[in-house]
Amino acid sequence: EGVDYNGMMKFNFTAVDDSPVRLTNSR
């Protein structure tokens, strides 16, 4: 569909400190 979901996931891993959502392994 032309949406970079992999890029979004990569950002979640690399920008944890900047993300407004606290990410955990379970999430």
PDB file of all heavy atoms in Angstrom:
ATOM      1  N   GLU A   1       0.806  -1.228   0.000  1.00  0.00           N
ATOM      2  CA  GLU A   1       0.000   0.000   0.000  1.00  0.00           C
ATOM      3  C   GLU A   1       0.837   1.275   0.000  1.00  0.00           C
ATOM      4  O   GLU A   1       0.303   2.373   0.106  1.00  0.00           O
ATOM      5  CB  GLU A   1      -0.939  -0.001   1.207  1.00  0.00           C
ATOM      6  CG  GLU A   1      -1.969  -1.108   1.150  1.00  0.00           C
ATOM      7  CD  GLU A   1      -2.863  -1.151   2.370  1.00  0.00           C
ATOM      8  OE1 GLU A   1      -2.458  -0.617   3.414  1.00  0.00           O
ATOM      9  OE2 GLU A   1      -3.961  -1.723   2.269  1.00  0.00           O
ATOM     10  N   GLY A   2       2.151   1.146  -0.085  1.00  0.00           N
ATOM     11  CA  GLY A   2       2.994   2.323  -0.145  1.00  0.00           C
ATOM     12  C   GLY A   2       3.288   2.968   1.199  1.00  0.00           C
ATOM     13  O   GLY A   2       3.813   4.080   1.254  1.00  0.00           O
ATOM     14  N   VAL A   3       2.962   2.293   2.300  1.00  0.00           N
ATOM     15  CA  VAL A   3       3.249   2.806   3.638  1.00  0.00           C
ATOM     16  C   VAL A   3       4.470   2.077   4.183  1.00  0.00           C
ATOM     17  O   VAL A   3       4.526   0.840   4.151  1.00  0.00           O
ATOM     18  CB  VAL A   3       2.046   2.610   4.591  1.00  0.00           C
ATOM     19  CG1 VAL A   3       2.378   3.151   5.975  1.00  0.00           C
ATOM     20  CG2 VAL A   3       0.816   3.315   4.041  1.00  0.00           C
ATOM     21  N   ASP A   4       5.439   2.822   4.674  1.00  0.00           N
ATOM     22  CA  ASP A   4       6.690   2.229   5.149  1.00  0.00           C
ATOM     23  C   ASP A   4       6.542   1.763   6.595  1.00  0.00           C
ATOM     24  O   ASP A   4       7.033   2.391   7.528  1.00  0.00           O
ATOM     25  CB  ASP A   4       7.825   3.252   5.029  1.00  0.00           C
ATOM     26  CG  ASP A   4       9.186   2.646   5.353  1.00  0.00           C
ATOM     27  OD1 ASP A   4       9.262   1.415   5.492  1.00  0.00           O
ATOM     28  OD2 ASP A   4      10.166   3.421   5.467  1.00  0.00           O
ATOM     29  N   TYR A   5       5.877   0.617   6.774  1.00  0.00           N
ATOM     30  CA  TYR A   5       5.684   0.091   8.124  1.00  0.00           C
ATOM     31  C   TYR A   5       7.002  -0.364   8.739  1.00  0.00           C
ATOM     32  O   TYR A   5       7.216  -0.210   9.942  1.00  0.00           O
ATOM     33  CB  TYR A   5       4.685  -1.073   8.100  1.00  0.00           C
ATOM     34  CG  TYR A   5       3.306  -0.673   7.637  1.00  0.00           C
ATOM     35  CD1 TYR A   5       2.796  -1.145   6.430  1.00  0.00           C
ATOM     36  CD2 TYR A   5       2.517   0.182   8.396  1.00  0.00           C
ATOM     37  CE1 TYR A   5       1.532  -0.768   5.996  1.00  0.00           C
ATOM     38  CE2 TYR A   5       1.253   0.557   7.963  1.00  0.00           C
ATOM     39  CZ  TYR A   5       0.771   0.075   6.764  1.00  0.00           C
ATOM     40  OH  TYR A   5      -0.467   0.447   6.334  1.00  0.00           O
ATOM     41  N   ASN A   6       7.901  -0.897   7.901  1.00  0.00           N
ATOM     42  CA  ASN A   6       9.206  -1.315   8.416  1.00  0.00           C
ATOM     43  C   ASN A   6       9.989  -0.114   8.932  1.00  0.00           C
ATOM     44  O   ASN A   6      10.671  -0.189   9.958  1.00  0.00           O
ATOM     45  CB  ASN A   6      10.004  -2.044   7.335  1.00  0.00           C
ATOM     46  CG  ASN A   6       9.463  -3.424   7.040  1.00  0.00           C
ATOM     47  OD1 ASN A   6       8.871  -4.062   7.898  1.00  0.00           O
ATOM     48  ND2 ASN A   6       9.673  -3.891   5.815  1.00  0.00           N
ATOM     49  N   GLY A   7       9.875   1.003   8.203  1.00  0.00           N
ATOM     50  CA  GLY A   7      10.542   2.216   8.646  1.00  0.00           C
ATOM     51  C   GLY A   7       9.990   2.723   9.965  1.00  0.00           C
ATOM     52  O   GLY A   7      10.736   3.198  10.824  1.00  0.00           O
ATOM     53  N   MET A   8       8.680   2.612  10.129  1.00  0.00           N
ATOM     54  CA  MET A   8       8.066   3.016  11.389  1.00  0.00           C
ATOM     55  C   MET A   8       8.572   2.156  12.540  1.00  0.00           C
ATOM     56  O   MET A   8       8.880   2.659  13.624  1.00  0.00           O
ATOM     57  CB  MET A   8       6.539   2.899  11.293  1.00  0.00           C
ATOM     58  CG  MET A   8       5.888   3.877  10.347  1.00  0.00           C
ATOM     59  SD  MET A   8       4.094   3.630  10.328  1.00  0.00           S
ATOM     60  CE  MET A   8       3.622   4.807   9.077  1.00  0.00           C
ATOM     61  N   MET A   9       8.650   0.850  12.305  1.00  0.00           N
ATOM     62  CA  MET A   9       9.121  -0.051  13.347  1.00  0.00           C
ATOM     63  C   MET A   9      10.584   0.231  13.682  1.00  0.00           C
ATOM     64  O   MET A   9      10.975   0.247  14.852  1.00  0.00           O
ATOM     65  CB  MET A   9       8.946  -1.499  12.892  1.00  0.00           C
ATOM     66  CG  MET A   9       9.271  -2.516  13.974  1.00  0.00           C
ATOM     67  SD  MET A   9       8.137  -2.415  15.369  1.00  0.00           S
ATOM     68  CE  MET A   9       6.636  -3.049  14.620  1.00  0.00           C
ATOM     69  N   LYS A  10      11.397   0.481  12.644  1.00  0.00           N
ATOM     70  CA  LYS A  10      12.809   0.794  12.870  1.00  0.00           C
ATOM     71  C   LYS A  10      12.941   2.059  13.709  1.00  0.00           C
ATOM     72  O   LYS A  10      13.782   2.134  14.611  1.00  0.00           O
ATOM     73  CB  LYS A  10      13.517   0.971  11.532  1.00  0.00           C
ATOM     74  CG  LYS A  10      15.001   1.257  11.671  1.00  0.00           C
ATOM     75  CD  LYS A  10      15.661   1.382  10.299  1.00  0.00           C
ATOM     76  CE  LYS A  10      17.148   1.686  10.440  1.00  0.00           C
ATOM     77  NZ  LYS A  10      17.801   1.836   9.109  1.00  0.00           N
ATOM     78  N   PHE A  11      12.106   3.058  13.413  1.00  0.00           N
ATOM     79  CA  PHE A  11      12.155   4.291  14.195  1.00  0.00           C
ATOM     80  C   PHE A  11      11.809   4.017  15.657  1.00  0.00           C
ATOM     81  O   PHE A  11      12.417   4.577  16.574  1.00  0.00           O
ATOM     82  CB  PHE A  11      11.189   5.322  13.618  1.00  0.00           C
ATOM     83  CG  PHE A  11      11.074   6.561  14.452  1.00  0.00           C
ATOM     84  CD1 PHE A  11      12.030   7.553  14.374  1.00  0.00           C
ATOM     85  CD2 PHE A  11      10.018   6.718  15.340  1.00  0.00           C
ATOM     86  CE1 PHE A  11      11.939   8.689  15.163  1.00  0.00           C
ATOM     87  CE2 PHE A  11       9.921   7.842  16.132  1.00  0.00           C
ATOM     88  CZ  PHE A  11      10.885   8.833  16.041  1.00  0.00           C
ATOM     89  N   ASN A  12      10.827   3.153  15.882  1.00  0.00           N
ATOM     90  CA  ASN A  12      10.447   2.836  17.266  1.00  0.00           C
ATOM     91  C   ASN A  12      11.610   2.245  18.054  1.00  0.00           C
ATOM     92  O   ASN A  12      11.735   2.463  19.257  1.00  0.00           O
ATOM     93  CB  ASN A  12       9.265   1.863  17.270  1.00  0.00           C
ATOM     94  CG  ASN A  12       7.963   2.533  16.887  1.00  0.00           C
ATOM     95  OD1 ASN A  12       7.792   3.719  17.111  1.00  0.00           O
ATOM     96  ND2 ASN A  12       7.053   1.775  16.302  1.00  0.00           N
ATOM     97  N   PHE A  13      12.472   1.498  17.349  1.00  0.00           N
ATOM     98  CA  PHE A  13      13.623   0.888  18.021  1.00  0.00           C
ATOM     99  C   PHE A  13      14.763   1.881  18.229  1.00  0.00           C
ATOM    100  O   PHE A  13      15.503   1.791  19.199  1.00  0.00           O
ATOM    101  CB  PHE A  13      14.140  -0.307  17.211  1.00  0.00           C
ATOM    102  CG  PHE A  13      13.362  -1.572  17.451  1.00  0.00           C
ATOM    103  CD1 PHE A  13      12.518  -2.071  16.476  1.00  0.00           C
ATOM    104  CD2 PHE A  13      13.472  -2.260  18.645  1.00  0.00           C
ATOM    105  CE1 PHE A  13      11.798  -3.242  16.688  1.00  0.00           C
ATOM    106  CE2 PHE A  13      12.758  -3.427  18.866  1.00  0.00           C
ATOM    107  CZ  PHE A  13      11.927  -3.917  17.883  1.00  0.00           C
ATOM    108  N   THR A  14      14.936   2.831  17.286  1.00  0.00           N
ATOM    109  CA  THR A  14      16.110   3.707  17.322  1.00  0.00           C
ATOM    110  C   THR A  14      15.864   5.053  17.990  1.00  0.00           C
ATOM    111  O   THR A  14      16.810   5.750  18.328  1.00  0.00           O
ATOM    112  CB  THR A  14      16.627   3.956  15.894  1.00  0.00           C
ATOM    113  OG1 THR A  14      15.578   4.551  15.107  1.00  0.00           O
ATOM    114  CG2 THR A  14      17.076   2.660  15.251  1.00  0.00           C
ATOM    115  N   ALA A  15      14.604   5.427  18.178  1.00  0.00           N
ATOM    116  CA  ALA A  15      14.307   6.744  18.756  1.00  0.00           C
ATOM    117  C   ALA A  15      13.452   6.602  20.008  1.00  0.00           C
ATOM    118  O   ALA A  15      12.510   7.350  20.223  1.00  0.00           O
ATOM    119  CB  ALA A  15      13.609   7.628  17.724  1.00  0.00           C
ATOM    120  N   VAL A  16      13.810   5.626  20.826  1.00  0.00           N
ATOM    121  CA  VAL A  16      13.022   5.345  22.027  1.00  0.00           C
ATOM    122  C   VAL A  16      12.934   6.559  22.938  1.00  0.00           C
ATOM    123  O   VAL A  16      11.880   6.871  23.495  1.00  0.00           O
ATOM    124  CB  VAL A  16      13.622   4.146  22.795  1.00  0.00           C
ATOM    125  CG1 VAL A  16      12.902   3.941  24.119  1.00  0.00           C
ATOM    126  CG2 VAL A  16      13.540   2.887  21.957  1.00  0.00           C
ATOM    127  N   ASP A  17      14.053   7.293  23.091  1.00  0.00           N
ATOM    128  CA  ASP A  17      14.072   8.432  24.010  1.00  0.00           C
ATOM    129  C   ASP A  17      13.203   9.583  23.519  1.00  0.00           C
ATOM    130  O   ASP A  17      12.721  10.395  24.314  1.00  0.00           O
ATOM    131  CB  ASP A  17      15.509   8.932  24.205  1.00  0.00           C
ATOM    132  CG  ASP A  17      16.369   7.920  24.942  1.00  0.00           C
ATOM    133  OD1 ASP A  17      15.788   7.070  25.654  1.00  0.00           O
ATOM    134  OD2 ASP A  17      17.604   7.972  24.797  1.00  0.00           O
ATOM    135  N   ASP A  18      13.017   9.689  22.201  1.00  0.00           N
ATOM    136  CA  ASP A  18      12.238  10.788  21.639  1.00  0.00           C
ATOM    137  C   ASP A  18      10.765  10.464  21.466  1.00  0.00           C
ATOM    138  O   ASP A  18       9.942  11.359  21.299  1.00  0.00           O
ATOM    139  CB  ASP A  18      12.812  11.196  20.273  1.00  0.00           C
ATOM    140  CG  ASP A  18      14.233  11.728  20.384  1.00  0.00           C
ATOM    141  OD1 ASP A  18      14.533  12.385  21.391  1.00  0.00           O
ATOM    142  OD2 ASP A  18      15.032  11.470  19.466  1.00  0.00           O
ATOM    143  N   SER A  19      10.440   9.204  21.457  1.00  0.00           N
ATOM    144  CA  SER A  19       9.058   8.806  21.191  1.00  0.00           C
ATOM    145  C   SER A  19       8.133   9.227  22.325  1.00  0.00           C
ATOM    146  O   SER A  19       8.468   9.063  23.503  1.00  0.00           O
ATOM    147  CB  SER A  19       8.973   7.289  21.011  1.00  0.00           C
ATOM    148  OG  SER A  19       7.627   6.886  20.844  1.00  0.00           O
ATOM    149  N   PRO A  20       6.955   9.789  21.995  1.00  0.00           N
ATOM    150  CA  PRO A  20       5.996  10.160  23.038  1.00  0.00           C
ATOM    151  C   PRO A  20       5.281   8.960  23.649  1.00  0.00           C
ATOM    152  O   PRO A  20       4.542   9.096  24.612  1.00  0.00           O
ATOM    153  CB  PRO A  20       5.000  11.056  22.285  1.00  0.00           C
ATOM    154  CG  PRO A  20       5.076  10.587  20.871  1.00  0.00           C
ATOM    155  CD  PRO A  20       6.498  10.157  20.653  1.00  0.00           C
ATOM    156  N   VAL A  21       5.503   7.777  23.097  1.00  0.00           N
ATOM    157  CA  VAL A  21       4.888   6.561  23.611  1.00  0.00           C
ATOM    158  C   VAL A  21       5.985   5.672  24.196  1.00  0.00           C
ATOM    159  O   VAL A  21       6.987   5.395  23.533  1.00  0.00           O
ATOM    160  CB  VAL A  21       4.140   5.791  22.503  1.00  0.00           C
ATOM    161  CG1 VAL A  21       3.553   4.508  23.054  1.00  0.00           C
ATOM    162  CG2 VAL A  21       3.066   6.662  21.879  1.00  0.00           C
ATOM    163  N   ARG A  22       5.824   5.259  25.445  1.00  0.00           N
ATOM    164  CA  ARG A  22       6.818   4.395  26.077  1.00  0.00           C
ATOM    165  C   ARG A  22       6.705   2.989  25.506  1.00  0.00           C
ATOM    166  O   ARG A  22       5.671   2.340  25.589  1.00  0.00           O
ATOM    167  CB  ARG A  22       6.622   4.368  27.593  1.00  0.00           C
ATOM    168  CG  ARG A  22       7.638   3.499  28.319  1.00  0.00           C
ATOM    169  CD  ARG A  22       7.481   3.628  29.833  1.00  0.00           C
ATOM    170  NE  ARG A  22       8.391   2.726  30.533  1.00  0.00           N
ATOM    171  CZ  ARG A  22       8.063   1.486  30.895  1.00  0.00           C
ATOM    172  NH1 ARG A  22       6.858   1.013  30.633  1.00  0.00           N
ATOM    173  NH2 ARG A  22       8.934   0.716  31.522  1.00  0.00           N
ATOM    174  N   LEU A  23       7.791   2.534  24.911  1.00  0.00           N
ATOM    175  CA  LEU A  23       7.798   1.222  24.280  1.00  0.00           C
ATOM    176  C   LEU A  23       8.468   0.195  25.175  1.00  0.00           C
ATOM    177  O   LEU A  23       9.484   0.472  25.809  1.00  0.00           O
ATOM    178  CB  LEU A  23       8.533   1.287  22.939  1.00  0.00           C
ATOM    179  CG  LEU A  23       7.854   2.139  21.861  1.00  0.00           C
ATOM    180  CD1 LEU A  23       8.759   2.265  20.653  1.00  0.00           C
ATOM    181  CD2 LEU A  23       6.527   1.532  21.467  1.00  0.00           C
ATOM    182  N   THR A  24       7.891  -0.989  25.229  1.00  0.00           N
ATOM    183  CA  THR A  24       8.448  -2.103  25.988  1.00  0.00           C
ATOM    184  C   THR A  24       8.484  -3.326  25.076  1.00  0.00           C
ATOM    185  O   THR A  24       7.878  -3.341  23.993  1.00  0.00           O
ATOM    186  CB  THR A  24       7.581  -2.416  27.222  1.00  0.00           C
ATOM    187  OG1 THR A  24       6.268  -2.814  26.772  1.00  0.00           O
ATOM    188  CG2 THR A  24       7.446  -1.196  28.127  1.00  0.00           C
ATOM    189  N   ASN A  25       9.202  -4.350  25.517  1.00  0.00           N
ATOM    190  CA  ASN A  25       9.256  -5.579  24.718  1.00  0.00           C
ATOM    191  C   ASN A  25       7.871  -6.159  24.480  1.00  0.00           C
ATOM    192  O   ASN A  25       7.542  -6.624  23.384  1.00  0.00           O
ATOM    193  CB  ASN A  25      10.138  -6.617  25.424  1.00  0.00           C
ATOM    194  CG  ASN A  25      11.610  -6.257  25.390  1.00  0.00           C
ATOM    195  OD1 ASN A  25      12.023  -5.473  24.545  1.00  0.00           O
ATOM    196  ND2 ASN A  25      12.381  -6.826  26.294  1.00  0.00           N
ATOM    197  N   SER A  26       7.044  -6.146  25.519  1.00  0.00           N
ATOM    198  CA  SER A  26       5.701  -6.721  25.378  1.00  0.00           C
ATOM    199  C   SER A  26       4.851  -5.905  24.418  1.00  0.00           C
ATOM    200  O   SER A  26       4.064  -6.458  23.646  1.00  0.00           O
ATOM    201  CB  SER A  26       5.026  -6.816  26.751  1.00  0.00           C
ATOM    202  OG  SER A  26       4.941  -5.551  27.366  1.00  0.00           O
ATOM    203  N   ARG A  27       5.010  -4.568  24.448  1.00  0.00           N
ATOM    204  CA  ARG A  27       4.230  -3.733  23.536  1.00  0.00           C
ATOM    205  C   ARG A  27       4.662  -3.943  22.092  1.00  0.00           C
ATOM    206  O   ARG A  27       3.821  -3.982  21.180  1.00  0.00           O
ATOM    207  CB  ARG A  27       4.359  -2.262  23.925  1.00  0.00           C
ATOM    208  CG  ARG A  27       3.581  -1.903  25.172  1.00  0.00           C
ATOM    209  CD  ARG A  27       3.677  -0.424  25.495  1.00  0.00           C
ATOM    210  NE  ARG A  27       2.846  -0.083  26.645  1.00  0.00           N
ATOM    211  CZ  ARG A  27       2.722   1.145  27.142  1.00  0.00           C
ATOM    212  NH1 ARG A  27       3.384   2.153  26.580  1.00  0.00           N
ATOM    213  NH2 ARG A  27       1.948   1.372  28.178  1.00  0.00           N
TER     214      ARG A  27
END
